[in-house]
């Protein structure tokens, strides 16, 4: 039910033929972009590396859960990336016009910028 009316998306998405499934790819909403904290100890040690997070995203585009996919071992970069990535918001993924949950991969590239 949606606003007291039957929601036809559950039936439409299930009956949409696999061969003709139309996908509208989700996009990150720019207002949810953020600056990620670069731990000072990692900067001092010259540690530069990508941290890859796998994000479970709800039908409405909110991040429900995040899992670390890859990160340099023994460093604080993964923890510094995990919190802010949970604040991202996406436009909904649409399958046959209906919003759907999905998994997204987000990479935080820690790189020391020399001035």
PDB file of N, CA and C in Angstrom:
ATOM      1  N   UNK A   1       0.841  -1.187   0.000  1.00  0.00           N
ATOM      2  CA  UNK A   1       0.000   0.000   0.000  1.00  0.00           C
ATOM      3  C   UNK A   1       0.879   1.240   0.000  1.00  0.00           C
ATOM      4  N   UNK A   2       0.492   2.194  -0.770  1.00  0.00           N
ATOM      5  CA  UNK A   2       1.196   3.461  -0.835  1.00  0.00           C
ATOM      6  C   UNK A   2       0.154   4.561  -0.770  1.00  0.00           C
ATOM      7  N   UNK A   3       0.167   5.335   0.310  1.00  0.00           N
ATOM      8  CA  UNK A   3      -0.818   6.392   0.545  1.00  0.00           C
ATOM      9  C   UNK A   3      -2.241   5.850   0.453  1.00  0.00           C
ATOM     10  N   UNK A   4      -2.460   4.676   1.040  1.00  0.00           N
ATOM     11  CA  UNK A   4      -3.791   4.096   1.077  1.00  0.00           C
ATOM     12  C   UNK A   4      -4.208   3.400  -0.212  1.00  0.00           C
ATOM     13  N   UNK A   5      -3.370   3.424  -1.217  1.00  0.00           N
ATOM     14  CA  UNK A   5      -3.677   2.789  -2.499  1.00  0.00           C
ATOM     15  C   UNK A   5      -2.785   1.573  -2.693  1.00  0.00           C
ATOM     16  N   UNK A   6      -3.288   0.550  -3.383  1.00  0.00           N
ATOM     17  CA  UNK A   6      -2.431  -0.619  -3.644  1.00  0.00           C
ATOM     18  C   UNK A   6      -1.191  -0.211  -4.427  1.00  0.00           C
ATOM     19  N   UNK A   7      -0.063  -0.745  -4.038  1.00  0.00           N
ATOM     20  CA  UNK A   7       1.208  -0.467  -4.709  1.00  0.00           C
ATOM     21  C   UNK A   7       1.426  -1.533  -5.773  1.00  0.00           C
ATOM     22  N   UNK A   8       1.415  -1.122  -7.039  1.00  0.00           N
ATOM     23  CA  UNK A   8       1.547  -2.094  -8.122  1.00  0.00           C
ATOM     24  C   UNK A   8       2.993  -2.490  -8.401  1.00  0.00           C
ATOM     25  N   UNK A   9       3.957  -1.880  -7.710  1.00  0.00           N
ATOM     26  CA  UNK A   9       5.358  -2.189  -7.980  1.00  0.00           C
ATOM     27  C   UNK A   9       5.742  -3.614  -7.615  1.00  0.00           C
ATOM     28  N   UNK A  10       5.208  -4.136  -6.522  1.00  0.00           N
ATOM     29  CA  UNK A  10       5.604  -5.485  -6.128  1.00  0.00           C
ATOM     30  C   UNK A  10       5.227  -6.488  -7.203  1.00  0.00           C
ATOM     31  N   UNK A  11       4.087  -6.359  -7.783  1.00  0.00           N
ATOM     32  CA  UNK A  11       3.673  -7.264  -8.853  1.00  0.00           C
ATOM     33  C   UNK A  11       4.352  -6.972 -10.167  1.00  0.00           C
ATOM     34  N   UNK A  12       4.544  -5.693 -10.475  1.00  0.00           N
ATOM     35  CA  UNK A  12       5.141  -5.313 -11.753  1.00  0.00           C
ATOM     36  C   UNK A  12       6.597  -5.747 -11.834  1.00  0.00           C
ATOM     37  N   UNK A  13       7.371  -5.512 -10.786  1.00  0.00           N
ATOM     38  CA  UNK A  13       8.785  -5.885 -10.810  1.00  0.00           C
ATOM     39  C   UNK A  13       8.945  -7.402 -10.881  1.00  0.00           C
ATOM     40  N   UNK A  14       8.085  -8.138 -10.189  1.00  0.00           N
ATOM     41  CA  UNK A  14       8.175  -9.599 -10.193  1.00  0.00           C
ATOM     42  C   UNK A  14       7.792 -10.179 -11.551  1.00  0.00           C
ATOM     43  N   UNK A  15       6.858  -9.539 -12.247  1.00  0.00           N
ATOM     44  CA  UNK A  15       6.399 -10.076 -13.524  1.00  0.00           C
ATOM     45  C   UNK A  15       7.155  -9.511 -14.719  1.00  0.00           C
ATOM     46  N   UNK A  16       8.048  -8.602 -14.492  1.00  0.00           N
ATOM     47  CA  UNK A  16       8.818  -8.002 -15.582  1.00  0.00           C
ATOM     48  C   UNK A  16       9.752  -9.072 -16.165  1.00  0.00           C
ATOM     49  N   UNK A  17       9.633  -9.371 -17.456  1.00  0.00           N
ATOM     50  CA  UNK A  17      10.487 -10.411 -18.052  1.00  0.00           C
ATOM     51  C   UNK A  17      11.966 -10.074 -17.916  1.00  0.00           C
ATOM     52  N   UNK A  18      12.753 -11.073 -17.571  1.00  0.00           N
ATOM     53  CA  UNK A  18      14.202 -10.895 -17.359  1.00  0.00           C
ATOM     54  C   UNK A  18      14.859 -10.235 -18.564  1.00  0.00           C
ATOM     55  N   UNK A  19      14.486 -10.666 -19.762  1.00  0.00           N
ATOM     56  CA  UNK A  19      15.129 -10.151 -20.972  1.00  0.00           C
ATOM     57  C   UNK A  19      14.826  -8.679 -21.211  1.00  0.00           C
ATOM     58  N   UNK A  20      13.692  -8.201 -20.684  1.00  0.00           N
ATOM     59  CA  UNK A  20      13.336  -6.805 -20.946  1.00  0.00           C
ATOM     60  C   UNK A  20      13.400  -5.930 -19.708  1.00  0.00           C
ATOM     61  N   UNK A  21      14.071  -6.412 -18.665  1.00  0.00           N
ATOM     62  CA  UNK A  21      14.166  -5.607 -17.440  1.00  0.00           C
ATOM     63  C   UNK A  21      14.846  -4.278 -17.746  1.00  0.00           C
ATOM     64  N   UNK A  22      14.153  -3.232 -17.452  1.00  0.00           N
ATOM     65  CA  UNK A  22      14.706  -1.897 -17.670  1.00  0.00           C
ATOM     66  C   UNK A  22      15.266  -1.409 -16.348  1.00  0.00           C
ATOM     67  N   UNK A  23      16.536  -1.040 -16.349  1.00  0.00           N
ATOM     68  CA  UNK A  23      17.190  -0.549 -15.140  1.00  0.00           C
ATOM     69  C   UNK A  23      17.441   0.942 -15.264  1.00  0.00           C
ATOM     70  N   UNK A  24      17.111   1.659 -14.223  1.00  0.00           N
ATOM     71  CA  UNK A  24      17.506   3.057 -14.106  1.00  0.00           C
ATOM     72  C   UNK A  24      18.549   3.073 -13.008  1.00  0.00           C
ATOM     73  N   UNK A  25      19.806   3.273 -13.396  1.00  0.00           N
ATOM     74  CA  UNK A  25      20.930   3.195 -12.456  1.00  0.00           C
ATOM     75  C   UNK A  25      20.818   4.272 -11.375  1.00  0.00           C
ATOM     76  N   UNK A  26      21.157   3.904 -10.154  1.00  0.00           N
ATOM     77  CA  UNK A  26      21.159   4.896  -9.076  1.00  0.00           C
ATOM     78  C   UNK A  26      22.365   5.823  -9.204  1.00  0.00           C
ATOM     79  N   UNK A  27      22.219   7.025  -8.691  1.00  0.00           N
ATOM     80  CA  UNK A  27      23.332   7.978  -8.648  1.00  0.00           C
ATOM     81  C   UNK A  27      23.448   8.514  -7.239  1.00  0.00           C
ATOM     82  N   UNK A  28      24.690   8.799  -6.837  1.00  0.00           N
ATOM     83  CA  UNK A  28      24.891   9.417  -5.530  1.00  0.00           C
ATOM     84  C   UNK A  28      24.331  10.823  -5.570  1.00  0.00           C
ATOM     85  N   UNK A  29      23.610  11.180  -4.539  1.00  0.00           N
ATOM     86  CA  UNK A  29      23.063  12.531  -4.448  1.00  0.00           C
ATOM     87  C   UNK A  29      24.168  13.436  -3.919  1.00  0.00           C
ATOM     88  N   UNK A  30      24.476  14.460  -4.673  1.00  0.00           N
ATOM     89  CA  UNK A  30      25.625  15.315  -4.364  1.00  0.00           C
ATOM     90  C   UNK A  30      25.560  15.947  -2.981  1.00  0.00           C
ATOM     91  N   UNK A  31      24.373  16.251  -2.490  1.00  0.00           N
ATOM     92  CA  UNK A  31      24.272  16.864  -1.162  1.00  0.00           C
ATOM     93  C   UNK A  31      24.746  15.932  -0.061  1.00  0.00           C
ATOM     94  N   UNK A  32      24.857  14.638  -0.362  1.00  0.00           N
ATOM     95  CA  UNK A  32      25.315  13.697   0.656  1.00  0.00           C
ATOM     96  C   UNK A  32      26.822  13.474   0.568  1.00  0.00           C
ATOM     97  N   UNK A  33      27.510  14.184  -0.336  1.00  0.00           N
ATOM     98  CA  UNK A  33      28.966  14.069  -0.432  1.00  0.00           C
ATOM     99  C   UNK A  33      29.600  14.593   0.848  1.00  0.00           C
ATOM    100  N   UNK A  34      30.789  14.155   1.139  1.00  0.00           N
ATOM    101  CA  UNK A  34      31.408  14.480   2.410  1.00  0.00           C
ATOM    102  C   UNK A  34      32.922  14.530   2.270  1.00  0.00           C
ATOM    103  N   UNK A  35      33.543  15.142   3.253  1.00  0.00           N
ATOM    104  CA  UNK A  35      34.991  15.091   3.365  1.00  0.00           C
ATOM    105  C   UNK A  35      35.318  13.990   4.354  1.00  0.00           C
ATOM    106  N   UNK A  36      36.226  13.125   3.964  1.00  0.00           N
ATOM    107  CA  UNK A  36      36.613  12.009   4.824  1.00  0.00           C
ATOM    108  C   UNK A  36      37.831  12.423   5.633  1.00  0.00           C
ATOM    109  N   UNK A  37      37.804  12.120   6.909  1.00  0.00           N
ATOM    110  CA  UNK A  37      38.930  12.408   7.794  1.00  0.00           C
ATOM    111  C   UNK A  37      40.126  11.547   7.407  1.00  0.00           C
ATOM    112  N   UNK A  38      41.271  12.154   7.261  1.00  0.00           N
ATOM    113  CA  UNK A  38      42.511  11.429   6.969  1.00  0.00           C
ATOM    114  C   UNK A  38      43.270  11.367   8.289  1.00  0.00           C
ATOM    115  N   UNK A  39      43.358  10.198   8.919  1.00  0.00           N
ATOM    116  CA  UNK A  39      44.019  10.109  10.228  1.00  0.00           C
ATOM    117  C   UNK A  39      45.439  10.667  10.187  1.00  0.00           C
ATOM    118  N   UNK A  40      45.753  11.538  11.124  1.00  0.00           N
ATOM    119  CA  UNK A  40      47.058  12.205  11.142  1.00  0.00           C
ATOM    120  C   UNK A  40      48.210  11.211  11.215  1.00  0.00           C
ATOM    121  N   UNK A  41      48.043  10.119  11.935  1.00  0.00           N
ATOM    122  CA  UNK A  41      49.114   9.120  12.032  1.00  0.00           C
ATOM    123  C   UNK A  41      49.434   8.530  10.664  1.00  0.00           C
ATOM    124  N   UNK A  42      48.409   8.345   9.835  1.00  0.00           N
ATOM    125  CA  UNK A  42      48.626   7.803   8.489  1.00  0.00           C
ATOM    126  C   UNK A  42      49.302   8.842   7.592  1.00  0.00           C
ATOM    127  N   UNK A  43      48.918  10.100   7.751  1.00  0.00           N
ATOM    128  CA  UNK A  43      49.575  11.173   6.996  1.00  0.00           C
ATOM    129  C   UNK A  43      51.047  11.247   7.383  1.00  0.00           C
ATOM    130  N   UNK A  44      51.324  11.222   8.696  1.00  0.00           N
ATOM    131  CA  UNK A  44      52.700  11.303   9.177  1.00  0.00           C
ATOM    132  C   UNK A  44      53.556  10.145   8.668  1.00  0.00           C
ATOM    133  N   UNK A  45      52.939   8.958   8.544  1.00  0.00           N
ATOM    134  CA  UNK A  45      53.660   7.778   8.060  1.00  0.00           C
ATOM    135  C   UNK A  45      53.669   7.678   6.537  1.00  0.00           C
ATOM    136  N   UNK A  46      52.994   8.607   5.850  1.00  0.00           N
ATOM    137  CA  UNK A  46      52.962   8.602   4.393  1.00  0.00           C
ATOM    138  C   UNK A  46      52.107   7.496   3.801  1.00  0.00           C
ATOM    139  N   UNK A  47      51.122   7.018   4.541  1.00  0.00           N
ATOM    140  CA  UNK A  47      50.261   5.934   4.074  1.00  0.00           C
ATOM    141  C   UNK A  47      49.215   6.493   3.110  1.00  0.00           C
ATOM    142  N   UNK A  48      49.225   5.996   1.884  1.00  0.00           N
ATOM    143  CA  UNK A  48      48.246   6.353   0.870  1.00  0.00           C
ATOM    144  C   UNK A  48      47.676   5.052   0.323  1.00  0.00           C
ATOM    145  N   UNK A  49      46.356   4.937   0.281  1.00  0.00           N
ATOM    146  CA  UNK A  49      45.748   3.699  -0.196  1.00  0.00           C
ATOM    147  C   UNK A  49      44.256   3.891  -0.406  1.00  0.00           C
ATOM    148  N   UNK A  50      43.669   3.083  -1.275  1.00  0.00           N
ATOM    149  CA  UNK A  50      42.215   3.101  -1.401  1.00  0.00           C
ATOM    150  C   UNK A  50      41.574   2.218  -0.334  1.00  0.00           C
ATOM    151  N   UNK A  51      40.396   2.617   0.115  1.00  0.00           N
ATOM    152  CA  UNK A  51      39.576   1.803   1.002  1.00  0.00           C
ATOM    153  C   UNK A  51      38.274   1.559   0.245  1.00  0.00           C
ATOM    154  N   UNK A  52      37.940   0.297   0.021  1.00  0.00           N
ATOM    155  CA  UNK A  52      36.760  -0.060  -0.760  1.00  0.00           C
ATOM    156  C   UNK A  52      35.677  -0.568   0.188  1.00  0.00           C
ATOM    157  N   UNK A  53      34.518   0.080   0.112  1.00  0.00           N
ATOM    158  CA  UNK A  53      33.372  -0.288   0.940  1.00  0.00           C
ATOM    159  C   UNK A  53      32.261  -0.830   0.040  1.00  0.00           C
ATOM    160  N   UNK A  54      31.585  -1.878   0.508  1.00  0.00           N
ATOM    161  CA  UNK A  54      30.401  -2.400  -0.165  1.00  0.00           C
ATOM    162  C   UNK A  54      29.207  -1.917   0.642  1.00  0.00           C
ATOM    163  N   UNK A  55      28.303  -1.187  -0.002  1.00  0.00           N
ATOM    164  CA  UNK A  55      27.181  -0.563   0.685  1.00  0.00           C
ATOM    165  C   UNK A  55      25.869  -1.207   0.282  1.00  0.00           C
ATOM    166  N   UNK A  56      25.083  -1.605   1.260  1.00  0.00           N
ATOM    167  CA  UNK A  56      23.739  -2.114   1.014  1.00  0.00           C
ATOM    168  C   UNK A  56      22.808  -0.905   1.041  1.00  0.00           C
ATOM    169  N   UNK A  57      22.103  -0.674  -0.070  1.00  0.00           N
ATOM    170  CA  UNK A  57      21.285   0.524  -0.226  1.00  0.00           C
ATOM    171  C   UNK A  57      19.806   0.140  -0.311  1.00  0.00           C
ATOM    172  N   UNK A  58      18.968   0.841   0.446  1.00  0.00           N
ATOM    173  CA  UNK A  58      17.534   0.551   0.492  1.00  0.00           C
ATOM    174  C   UNK A  58      16.820   1.041  -0.765  1.00  0.00           C
ATOM    175  N   UNK A  59      15.537   0.702  -0.858  1.00  0.00           N
ATOM    176  CA  UNK A  59      14.713   1.135  -1.990  1.00  0.00           C
ATOM    177  C   UNK A  59      14.653   2.650  -2.120  1.00  0.00           C
ATOM    178  N   UNK A  60      14.734   3.356  -0.998  1.00  0.00           N
ATOM    179  CA  UNK A  60      14.643   4.818  -1.054  1.00  0.00           C
ATOM    180  C   UNK A  60      16.002   5.498  -1.195  1.00  0.00           C
ATOM    181  N   UNK A  61      17.082   4.724  -1.285  1.00  0.00           N
ATOM    182  CA  UNK A  61      18.407   5.282  -1.536  1.00  0.00           C
ATOM    183  C   UNK A  61      19.281   5.477  -0.313  1.00  0.00           C
ATOM    184  N   UNK A  62      18.785   5.143   0.875  1.00  0.00           N
ATOM    185  CA  UNK A  62      19.580   5.285   2.103  1.00  0.00           C
ATOM    186  C   UNK A  62      20.517   4.086   2.266  1.00  0.00           C
ATOM    187  N   UNK A  63      21.718   4.339   2.783  1.00  0.00           N
ATOM    188  CA  UNK A  63      22.652   3.255   3.055  1.00  0.00           C
ATOM    189  C   UNK A  63      22.205   2.546   4.335  1.00  0.00           C
ATOM    190  N   UNK A  64      21.953   1.242   4.216  1.00  0.00           N
ATOM    191  CA  UNK A  64      21.518   0.440   5.358  1.00  0.00           C
ATOM    192  C   UNK A  64      22.691  -0.174   6.102  1.00  0.00           C
ATOM    193  N   UNK A  65      23.715  -0.564   5.356  1.00  0.00           N
ATOM    194  CA  UNK A  65      24.840  -1.267   5.957  1.00  0.00           C
ATOM    195  C   UNK A  65      26.062  -1.077   5.062  1.00  0.00           C
ATOM    196  N   UNK A  66      27.225  -1.121   5.666  1.00  0.00           N
ATOM    197  CA  UNK A  66      28.467  -1.036   4.915  1.00  0.00           C
ATOM    198  C   UNK A  66      29.446  -2.086   5.387  1.00  0.00           C
ATOM    199  N   UNK A  67      30.113  -2.717   4.439  1.00  0.00           N
ATOM    200  CA  UNK A  67      31.111  -3.731   4.756  1.00  0.00           C
ATOM    201  C   UNK A  67      32.412  -3.370   4.065  1.00  0.00           C
ATOM    202  N   UNK A  68      33.477  -3.563   4.757  1.00  0.00           N
ATOM    203  CA  UNK A  68      34.801  -3.299   4.219  1.00  0.00           C
ATOM    204  C   UNK A  68      35.154  -4.386   3.212  1.00  0.00           C
ATOM    205  N   UNK A  69      35.487  -3.986   1.992  1.00  0.00           N
ATOM    206  CA  UNK A  69      35.903  -4.950   0.962  1.00  0.00           C
ATOM    207  C   UNK A  69      37.419  -5.067   0.915  1.00  0.00           C
ATOM    208  N   UNK A  70      38.111  -3.918   0.992  1.00  0.00           N
ATOM    209  CA  UNK A  70      39.572  -3.965   1.005  1.00  0.00           C
ATOM    210  C   UNK A  70      40.124  -2.685   1.615  1.00  0.00           C
ATOM    211  N   UNK A  71      41.259  -2.846   2.281  1.00  0.00           N
ATOM    212  CA  UNK A  71      41.898  -1.738   2.964  1.00  0.00           C
ATOM    213  C   UNK A  71      43.310  -2.172   3.326  1.00  0.00           C
ATOM    214  N   UNK A  72      44.234  -1.228   3.460  1.00  0.00           N
ATOM    215  CA  UNK A  72      45.573  -1.620   3.915  1.00  0.00           C
ATOM    216  C   UNK A  72      45.501  -2.140   5.346  1.00  0.00           C
ATOM    217  N   UNK A  73      46.123  -3.258   5.602  1.00  0.00           N
ATOM    218  CA  UNK A  73      46.065  -3.879   6.935  1.00  0.00           C
ATOM    219  C   UNK A  73      46.876  -3.092   7.959  1.00  0.00           C
ATOM    220  N   UNK A  74      46.344  -3.068   9.175  1.00  0.00           N
ATOM    221  CA  UNK A  74      47.059  -2.456  10.281  1.00  0.00           C
ATOM    222  C   UNK A  74      47.025  -0.943  10.294  1.00  0.00           C
ATOM    223  N   UNK A  75      46.097  -0.355   9.557  1.00  0.00           N
ATOM    224  CA  UNK A  75      46.014   1.104   9.511  1.00  0.00           C
ATOM    225  C   UNK A  75      44.603   1.552   9.881  1.00  0.00           C
ATOM    226  N   UNK A  76      44.454   2.837  10.134  1.00  0.00           N
ATOM    227  CA  UNK A  76      43.180   3.399  10.603  1.00  0.00           C
ATOM    228  C   UNK A  76      42.291   3.891   9.458  1.00  0.00           C
ATOM    229  N   UNK A  77      42.708   3.718   8.229  1.00  0.00           N
ATOM    230  CA  UNK A  77      41.957   4.271   7.111  1.00  0.00           C
ATOM    231  C   UNK A  77      40.568   3.648   6.966  1.00  0.00           C
ATOM    232  N   UNK A  78      40.460   2.350   7.266  1.00  0.00           N
ATOM    233  CA  UNK A  78      39.153   1.707   7.116  1.00  0.00           C
ATOM    234  C   UNK A  78      38.122   2.298   8.075  1.00  0.00           C
ATOM    235  N   UNK A  79      38.500   2.519   9.305  1.00  0.00           N
ATOM    236  CA  UNK A  79      37.578   3.102  10.281  1.00  0.00           C
ATOM    237  C   UNK A  79      37.224   4.539   9.903  1.00  0.00           C
ATOM    238  N   UNK A  80      38.184   5.270   9.370  1.00  0.00           N
ATOM    239  CA  UNK A  80      37.933   6.659   8.981  1.00  0.00           C
ATOM    240  C   UNK A  80      36.976   6.738   7.792  1.00  0.00           C
ATOM    241  N   UNK A  81      36.961   5.721   6.946  1.00  0.00           N
ATOM    242  CA  UNK A  81      36.072   5.710   5.778  1.00  0.00           C
ATOM    243  C   UNK A  81      34.688   5.160   6.100  1.00  0.00           C
ATOM    244  N   UNK A  82      34.590   4.248   7.056  1.00  0.00           N
ATOM    245  CA  UNK A  82      33.325   3.553   7.333  1.00  0.00           C
ATOM    246  C   UNK A  82      32.211   4.493   7.799  1.00  0.00           C
ATOM    247  N   UNK A  83      32.504   5.390   8.715  1.00  0.00           N
ATOM    248  CA  UNK A  83      31.465   6.279   9.240  1.00  0.00           C
ATOM    249  C   UNK A  83      30.856   7.180   8.179  1.00  0.00           C
ATOM    250  N   UNK A  84      31.662   7.952   7.475  1.00  0.00           N
ATOM    251  CA  UNK A  84      31.091   8.864   6.481  1.00  0.00           C
ATOM    252  C   UNK A  84      30.370   8.178   5.321  1.00  0.00           C
ATOM    253  N   UNK A  85      30.824   6.983   4.906  1.00  0.00           N
ATOM    254  CA  UNK A  85      30.136   6.327   3.788  1.00  0.00           C
ATOM    255  C   UNK A  85      28.725   5.913   4.170  1.00  0.00           C
ATOM    256  N   UNK A  86      28.469   5.724   5.465  1.00  0.00           N
ATOM    257  CA  UNK A  86      27.116   5.363   5.897  1.00  0.00           C
ATOM    258  C   UNK A  86      26.152   6.538   5.731  1.00  0.00           C
ATOM    259  N   UNK A  87      26.670   7.739   5.508  1.00  0.00           N
ATOM    260  CA  UNK A  87      25.835   8.930   5.350  1.00  0.00           C
ATOM    261  C   UNK A  87      25.483   9.231   3.894  1.00  0.00           C
ATOM    262  N   UNK A  88      26.024   8.452   2.960  1.00  0.00           N
ATOM    263  CA  UNK A  88      25.702   8.676   1.554  1.00  0.00           C
ATOM    264  C   UNK A  88      24.230   8.400   1.287  1.00  0.00           C
ATOM    265  N   UNK A  89      23.683   9.089   0.285  1.00  0.00           N
ATOM    266  CA  UNK A  89      22.310   8.864  -0.153  1.00  0.00           C
ATOM    267  C   UNK A  89      22.338   8.730  -1.672  1.00  0.00           C
ATOM    268  N   UNK A  90      21.585   7.766  -2.176  1.00  0.00           N
ATOM    269  CA  UNK A  90      21.519   7.508  -3.611  1.00  0.00           C
ATOM    270  C   UNK A  90      20.105   7.763  -4.114  1.00  0.00           C
ATOM    271  N   UNK A  91      19.989   8.093  -5.403  1.00  0.00           N
ATOM    272  CA  UNK A  91      18.670   8.056  -6.017  1.00  0.00           C
ATOM    273  C   UNK A  91      18.309   6.579  -6.108  1.00  0.00           C
ATOM    274  N   UNK A  92      17.029   6.227  -6.032  1.00  0.00           N
ATOM    275  CA  UNK A  92      16.675   4.804  -6.032  1.00  0.00           C
ATOM    276  C   UNK A  92      17.055   4.106  -7.345  1.00  0.00           C
ATOM    277  N   UNK A  93      17.517   2.876  -7.217  1.00  0.00           N
ATOM    278  CA  UNK A  93      17.653   1.995  -8.373  1.00  0.00           C
ATOM    279  C   UNK A  93      16.234   1.639  -8.777  1.00  0.00           C
ATOM    280  N   UNK A  94      15.940   1.667 -10.054  1.00  0.00           N
ATOM    281  CA  UNK A  94      14.590   1.313 -10.506  1.00  0.00           C
ATOM    282  C   UNK A  94      14.682   0.146 -11.474  1.00  0.00           C
ATOM    283  N   UNK A  95      13.884  -0.881 -11.195  1.00  0.00           N
ATOM    284  CA  UNK A  95      13.776  -2.046 -12.061  1.00  0.00           C
ATOM    285  C   UNK A  95      12.358  -2.047 -12.604  1.00  0.00           C
ATOM    286  N   UNK A  96      12.216  -1.924 -13.913  1.00  0.00           N
ATOM    287  CA  UNK A  96      10.889  -1.839 -14.554  1.00  0.00           C
ATOM    288  C   UNK A  96      10.062  -0.711 -13.930  1.00  0.00           C
ATOM    289  N   UNK A  97      10.711   0.384 -13.578  1.00  0.00           N
ATOM    290  CA  UNK A  97      10.037   1.550 -13.019  1.00  0.00           C
ATOM    291  C   UNK A  97       9.802   1.512 -11.521  1.00  0.00           C
ATOM    292  N   UNK A  98      10.172   0.421 -10.867  1.00  0.00           N
ATOM    293  CA  UNK A  98       9.929   0.279  -9.429  1.00  0.00           C
ATOM    294  C   UNK A  98      11.234   0.365  -8.647  1.00  0.00           C
ATOM    295  N   UNK A  99      11.227   1.046  -7.500  1.00  0.00           N
ATOM    296  CA  UNK A  99      12.455   1.137  -6.699  1.00  0.00           C
ATOM    297  C   UNK A  99      12.863  -0.235  -6.159  1.00  0.00           C
ATOM    298  N   UNK A 100      14.166  -0.466  -6.078  1.00  0.00           N
ATOM    299  CA  UNK A 100      14.686  -1.755  -5.609  1.00  0.00           C
ATOM    300  C   UNK A 100      15.928  -1.539  -4.763  1.00  0.00           C
ATOM    301  N   UNK A 101      16.133  -2.439  -3.796  1.00  0.00           N
ATOM    302  CA  UNK A 101      17.369  -2.425  -3.022  1.00  0.00           C
ATOM    303  C   UNK A 101      18.520  -2.822  -3.931  1.00  0.00           C
ATOM    304  N   UNK A 102      19.717  -2.406  -3.574  1.00  0.00           N
ATOM    305  CA  UNK A 102      20.885  -2.813  -4.356  1.00  0.00           C
ATOM    306  C   UNK A 102      22.148  -2.707  -3.506  1.00  0.00           C
ATOM    307  N   UNK A 103      23.226  -3.214  -4.053  1.00  0.00           N
ATOM    308  CA  UNK A 103      24.536  -3.126  -3.423  1.00  0.00           C
ATOM    309  C   UNK A 103      25.401  -2.243  -4.298  1.00  0.00           C
ATOM    310  N   UNK A 104      26.085  -1.304  -3.679  1.00  0.00           N
ATOM    311  CA  UNK A 104      26.955  -0.381  -4.392  1.00  0.00           C
ATOM    312  C   UNK A 104      28.358  -0.473  -3.806  1.00  0.00           C
ATOM    313  N   UNK A 105      29.346  -0.254  -4.629  1.00  0.00           N
ATOM    314  CA  UNK A 105      30.734  -0.235  -4.167  1.00  0.00           C
ATOM    315  C   UNK A 105      31.211   1.209  -4.200  1.00  0.00           C
ATOM    316  N   UNK A 106      31.801   1.643  -3.100  1.00  0.00           N
ATOM    317  CA  UNK A 106      32.291   3.015  -2.985  1.00  0.00           C
ATOM    318  C   UNK A 106      33.744   2.966  -2.538  1.00  0.00           C
ATOM    319  N   UNK A 107      34.596   3.693  -3.229  1.00  0.00           N
ATOM    320  CA  UNK A 107      36.023   3.705  -2.908  1.00  0.00           C
ATOM    321  C   UNK A 107      36.431   5.080  -2.397  1.00  0.00           C
ATOM    322  N   UNK A 108      37.090   5.084  -1.253  1.00  0.00           N
ATOM    323  CA  UNK A 108      37.681   6.302  -0.708  1.00  0.00           C
ATOM    324  C   UNK A 108      39.171   6.213  -0.994  1.00  0.00           C
ATOM    325  N   UNK A 109      39.680   7.134  -1.797  1.00  0.00           N
ATOM    326  CA  UNK A 109      41.101   7.133  -2.158  1.00  0.00           C
ATOM    327  C   UNK A 109      41.848   8.103  -1.250  1.00  0.00           C
ATOM    328  N   UNK A 110      42.586   7.538  -0.317  1.00  0.00           N
ATOM    329  CA  UNK A 110      43.412   8.368   0.570  1.00  0.00           C
ATOM    330  C   UNK A 110      44.698   8.677  -0.156  1.00  0.00           C
ATOM    331  N   UNK A 111      44.919   9.954  -0.385  1.00  0.00           N
ATOM    332  CA  UNK A 111      46.122  10.381  -1.092  1.00  0.00           C
ATOM    333  C   UNK A 111      46.600  11.678  -0.458  1.00  0.00           C
ATOM    334  N   UNK A 112      47.867  11.719  -0.142  1.00  0.00           N
ATOM    335  CA  UNK A 112      48.454  12.895   0.475  1.00  0.00           C
ATOM    336  C   UNK A 112      48.754  13.906  -0.620  1.00  0.00           C
ATOM    337  N   UNK A 113      48.186  15.090  -0.464  1.00  0.00           N
ATOM    338  CA  UNK A 113      48.426  16.144  -1.439  1.00  0.00           C
ATOM    339  C   UNK A 113      49.543  17.038  -0.937  1.00  0.00           C
ATOM    340  N   UNK A 114      50.581  17.091  -1.706  1.00  0.00           N
ATOM    341  CA  UNK A 114      51.749  17.931  -1.360  1.00  0.00           C
ATOM    342  C   UNK A 114      51.510  19.334  -1.901  1.00  0.00           C
ATOM    343  N   UNK A 115      51.853  20.305  -1.085  1.00  0.00           N
ATOM    344  CA  UNK A 115      51.671  21.703  -1.515  1.00  0.00           C
ATOM    345  C   UNK A 115      52.977  22.355  -1.775  1.00  0.00           C
TER     346      UNK A 115
END
